Amino acid sequence: MSDEALTYAEKTRFTLALVEQCVRNTFLEDLHAGTVPDSASGDYSDVKVVTPFGEIPWTRLSRISDAEMKTLMIEITNKVFTFLTYAEELGALGGAMRWNRPEIDIALERKAQRRRALRVGGPDSPDGTG
């Protein structure tokens, strides 16, 4: 899909609806439901997790297991696929109307630009420049 296919307002609305339906309302909510520790230092360097095998500094702790990550990614993938299949029906915004407006992620934009350059300037490009 060309980035010109949707207006800025349409992309904003579509993005918020997709994230609300496919990311926010997932197993991620279960992961978010726990107790968050307080930090006197503000950077969590003073927080640790005590295990039977020793202490783990909060800043080095993995907060999601491989199994939880797999569950989350499968659910998000299936929800995104369903959303794209029923985008018109699922595009209405709920609480996401009050969220910050999305912005371009610079690192992902650079990746897209590199891929576009390869596609357009490569040997198999439709414009014949490669």
C-alpha atoms as a PDB file:
ATOM      1  CA  MET A   1       0.000   0.000   0.000  1.00  0.00           C
ATOM      2  CA  SER A   2       1.351   3.398  -0.960  1.00  0.00           C
ATOM      3  CA  ASP A   3       1.801   5.898   1.854  1.00  0.00           C
ATOM      4  CA  GLU A   4      -0.231   8.325  -0.285  1.00  0.00           C
ATOM      5  CA  ALA A   5      -3.268   6.012  -0.214  1.00  0.00           C
ATOM      6  CA  LEU A   6      -4.442   7.463   3.112  1.00  0.00           C
ATOM      7  CA  THR A   7      -4.537  11.023   4.411  1.00  0.00           C
ATOM      8  CA  TYR A   8      -2.726  11.932   7.617  1.00  0.00           C
ATOM      9  CA  ALA A   9      -6.038  11.948   9.515  1.00  0.00           C
ATOM     10  CA  GLU A  10      -7.004   8.555   8.087  1.00  0.00           C
ATOM     11  CA  LYS A  11      -3.610   7.053   8.969  1.00  0.00           C
ATOM     12  CA  THR A  12      -3.877   8.480  12.496  1.00  0.00           C
ATOM     13  CA  ARG A  13      -7.362   7.045  13.046  1.00  0.00           C
ATOM     14  CA  PHE A  14      -6.468   3.689  11.467  1.00  0.00           C
ATOM     15  CA  THR A  15      -3.296   3.407  13.567  1.00  0.00           C
ATOM     16  CA  LEU A  16      -5.069   4.191  16.832  1.00  0.00           C
ATOM     17  CA  ALA A  17      -7.902   1.766  16.088  1.00  0.00           C
ATOM     18  CA  LEU A  18      -5.488  -1.007  15.088  1.00  0.00           C
ATOM     19  CA  VAL A  19      -3.347  -0.597  18.206  1.00  0.00           C
ATOM     20  CA  GLU A  20      -6.378  -0.338  20.493  1.00  0.00           C
ATOM     21  CA  GLN A  21      -8.008  -3.452  19.044  1.00  0.00           C
ATOM     22  CA  CYS A  22      -4.891  -5.542  18.418  1.00  0.00           C
ATOM     23  CA  VAL A  23      -2.289  -4.591  21.028  1.00  0.00           C
ATOM     24  CA  ARG A  24      -3.929  -2.845  23.962  1.00  0.00           C
ATOM     25  CA  ASN A  25      -6.677  -5.407  24.510  1.00  0.00           C
ATOM     26  CA  THR A  26      -4.464  -8.515  24.589  1.00  0.00           C
ATOM     27  CA  PHE A  27      -2.429 -10.683  26.947  1.00  0.00           C
ATOM     28  CA  LEU A  28      -0.384  -7.515  27.421  1.00  0.00           C
ATOM     29  CA  GLU A  29      -3.076  -6.419  29.894  1.00  0.00           C
ATOM     30  CA  ASP A  30      -2.336  -9.500  32.040  1.00  0.00           C
ATOM     31  CA  LEU A  31       1.382  -8.700  31.987  1.00  0.00           C
ATOM     32  CA  HIS A  32       0.642  -5.113  32.981  1.00  0.00           C
ATOM     33  CA  ALA A  33      -1.639  -6.116  35.874  1.00  0.00           C
ATOM     34  CA  GLY A  34       1.076  -6.768  38.479  1.00  0.00           C
ATOM     35  CA  THR A  35       2.555  -4.533  41.143  1.00  0.00           C
ATOM     36  CA  VAL A  36       5.144  -2.015  39.977  1.00  0.00           C
ATOM     37  CA  PRO A  37       7.903  -1.353  42.520  1.00  0.00           C
ATOM     38  CA  ASP A  38       8.794   2.110  43.790  1.00  0.00           C
ATOM     39  CA  SER A  39      12.298   3.461  43.369  1.00  0.00           C
ATOM     40  CA  ALA A  40      13.832   6.023  45.705  1.00  0.00           C
ATOM     41  CA  SER A  41      16.566   6.725  43.125  1.00  0.00           C
ATOM     42  CA  GLY A  42      14.063   7.125  40.298  1.00  0.00           C
ATOM     43  CA  ASP A  43      16.088   4.962  37.906  1.00  0.00           C
ATOM     44  CA  TYR A  44      15.323   1.609  39.620  1.00  0.00           C
ATOM     45  CA  SER A  45      19.020   0.974  40.374  1.00  0.00           C
ATOM     46  CA  ASP A  46      17.952   0.529  44.015  1.00  0.00           C
ATOM     47  CA  VAL A  47      15.344  -2.161  43.222  1.00  0.00           C
ATOM     48  CA  LYS A  48      16.133  -5.880  43.136  1.00  0.00           C
ATOM     49  CA  VAL A  49      14.256  -9.139  42.821  1.00  0.00           C
ATOM     50  CA  VAL A  50      15.143 -11.818  45.361  1.00  0.00           C
ATOM     51  CA  THR A  51      15.115 -15.383  44.005  1.00  0.00           C
ATOM     52  CA  PRO A  52      16.173 -18.709  45.536  1.00  0.00           C
ATOM     53  CA  PHE A  53      19.288 -18.404  43.378  1.00  0.00           C
ATOM     54  CA  GLY A  54      20.265 -14.839  44.269  1.00  0.00           C
ATOM     55  CA  GLU A  55      19.262 -11.260  43.659  1.00  0.00           C
ATOM     56  CA  ILE A  56      18.600  -9.734  40.235  1.00  0.00           C
ATOM     57  CA  PRO A  57      18.884  -5.960  39.775  1.00  0.00           C
ATOM     58  CA  TRP A  58      15.636  -4.558  38.366  1.00  0.00           C
ATOM     59  CA  THR A  59      17.523  -2.909  35.524  1.00  0.00           C
ATOM     60  CA  ARG A  60      18.823  -6.348  34.378  1.00  0.00           C
ATOM     61  CA  LEU A  61      15.582  -8.249  34.916  1.00  0.00           C
ATOM     62  CA  SER A  62      13.633  -9.640  31.997  1.00  0.00           C
ATOM     63  CA  ARG A  63      10.047  -8.741  32.759  1.00  0.00           C
ATOM     64  CA  ILE A  64       8.509 -11.094  30.218  1.00  0.00           C
ATOM     65  CA  SER A  65       9.302 -14.770  29.695  1.00  0.00           C
ATOM     66  CA  ASP A  66       9.837 -16.411  26.297  1.00  0.00           C
ATOM     67  CA  ALA A  67       6.515 -18.249  26.699  1.00  0.00           C
ATOM     68  CA  GLU A  68       4.685 -14.999  27.543  1.00  0.00           C
ATOM     69  CA  MET A  69       6.309 -13.241  24.579  1.00  0.00           C
ATOM     70  CA  LYS A  70       5.254 -16.058  22.252  1.00  0.00           C
ATOM     71  CA  THR A  71       1.672 -15.899  23.567  1.00  0.00           C
ATOM     72  CA  LEU A  72       1.597 -12.129  23.139  1.00  0.00           C
ATOM     73  CA  MET A  73       3.027 -12.151  19.608  1.00  0.00           C
ATOM     74  CA  ILE A  74       0.671 -14.898  18.397  1.00  0.00           C
ATOM     75  CA  GLU A  75      -2.330 -13.027  19.808  1.00  0.00           C
ATOM     76  CA  ILE A  76      -1.245  -9.682  18.321  1.00  0.00           C
ATOM     77  CA  THR A  77      -0.511 -11.266  14.931  1.00  0.00           C
ATOM     78  CA  ASN A  78      -3.932 -12.942  14.830  1.00  0.00           C
ATOM     79  CA  LYS A  79      -5.674  -9.751  15.933  1.00  0.00           C
ATOM     80  CA  VAL A  80      -3.865  -7.621  13.327  1.00  0.00           C
ATOM     81  CA  PHE A  81      -4.793 -10.133  10.615  1.00  0.00           C
ATOM     82  CA  THR A  82      -8.427 -10.092  11.778  1.00  0.00           C
ATOM     83  CA  PHE A  83      -8.409  -6.281  11.996  1.00  0.00           C
ATOM     84  CA  LEU A  84      -7.087  -5.969   8.443  1.00  0.00           C
ATOM     85  CA  THR A  85      -9.718  -8.458   7.279  1.00  0.00           C
ATOM     86  CA  TYR A  86     -12.510  -6.422   8.950  1.00  0.00           C
ATOM     87  CA  ALA A  87     -10.899  -2.951   9.010  1.00  0.00           C
ATOM     88  CA  GLU A  88     -14.091  -1.087   8.164  1.00  0.00           C
ATOM     89  CA  GLU A  89     -16.080  -2.806  10.901  1.00  0.00           C
ATOM     90  CA  LEU A  90     -13.341  -2.593  13.558  1.00  0.00           C
ATOM     91  CA  GLY A  91     -12.051   0.890  12.762  1.00  0.00           C
ATOM     92  CA  ALA A  92     -14.187   2.767  15.288  1.00  0.00           C
ATOM     93  CA  LEU A  93     -12.183   4.374  18.082  1.00  0.00           C
ATOM     94  CA  GLY A  94     -12.942   3.809  21.750  1.00  0.00           C
ATOM     95  CA  GLY A  95     -10.665   5.111  24.453  1.00  0.00           C
ATOM     96  CA  ALA A  96      -7.873   5.554  21.919  1.00  0.00           C
ATOM     97  CA  MET A  97      -9.509   8.829  20.886  1.00  0.00           C
ATOM     98  CA  ARG A  98      -7.848  10.335  23.965  1.00  0.00           C
ATOM     99  CA  TRP A  99      -4.387   8.897  23.264  1.00  0.00           C
ATOM    100  CA  ASN A 100      -1.461  10.919  21.905  1.00  0.00           C
ATOM    101  CA  ARG A 101      -1.402  11.162  18.134  1.00  0.00           C
ATOM    102  CA  PRO A 102       1.013   8.700  16.524  1.00  0.00           C
ATOM    103  CA  GLU A 103       4.344   9.948  15.203  1.00  0.00           C
ATOM    104  CA  ILE A 104       6.793   8.525  12.690  1.00  0.00           C
ATOM    105  CA  ASP A 105       9.283   6.145  14.331  1.00  0.00           C
ATOM    106  CA  ILE A 106      12.616   7.359  12.939  1.00  0.00           C
ATOM    107  CA  ALA A 107      14.409   3.972  13.031  1.00  0.00           C
ATOM    108  CA  LEU A 108      11.515   2.198  11.301  1.00  0.00           C
ATOM    109  CA  GLU A 109      11.224   5.026   8.769  1.00  0.00           C
ATOM    110  CA  ARG A 110      14.923   4.649   7.895  1.00  0.00           C
ATOM    111  CA  LYS A 111      14.420   0.900   7.421  1.00  0.00           C
ATOM    112  CA  ALA A 112      11.484   1.594   5.090  1.00  0.00           C
ATOM    113  CA  GLN A 113      13.535   4.110   3.122  1.00  0.00           C
ATOM    114  CA  ARG A 114      16.409   1.626   2.732  1.00  0.00           C
ATOM    115  CA  ARG A 115      14.003  -1.057   1.508  1.00  0.00           C
ATOM    116  CA  ARG A 116      12.319   1.389  -0.875  1.00  0.00           C
ATOM    117  CA  ALA A 117      15.703   2.386  -2.300  1.00  0.00           C
ATOM    118  CA  LEU A 118      16.597  -1.278  -2.863  1.00  0.00           C
ATOM    119  CA  ARG A 119      13.235  -1.959  -4.481  1.00  0.00           C
ATOM    120  CA  VAL A 120      13.275   1.093  -6.736  1.00  0.00           C
ATOM    121  CA  GLY A 121      16.962   1.044  -7.648  1.00  0.00           C
ATOM    122  CA  GLY A 122      17.556  -2.708  -7.684  1.00  0.00           C
ATOM    123  CA  PRO A 123      18.103  -4.910 -10.756  1.00  0.00           C
ATOM    124  CA  ASP A 124      14.488  -6.118 -10.736  1.00  0.00           C
ATOM    125  CA  SER A 125      12.918  -2.698 -10.214  1.00  0.00           C
ATOM    126  CA  PRO A 126       9.920  -1.917 -12.405  1.00  0.00           C
ATOM    127  CA  ASP A 127      11.430   1.424 -13.482  1.00  0.00           C
ATOM    128  CA  GLY A 128      14.360  -0.331 -15.169  1.00  0.00           C
ATOM    129  CA  THR A 129      17.005   1.737 -13.397  1.00  0.00           C
ATOM    130  CA  GLY A 130      18.683  -1.249 -11.830  1.00  0.00           C
END
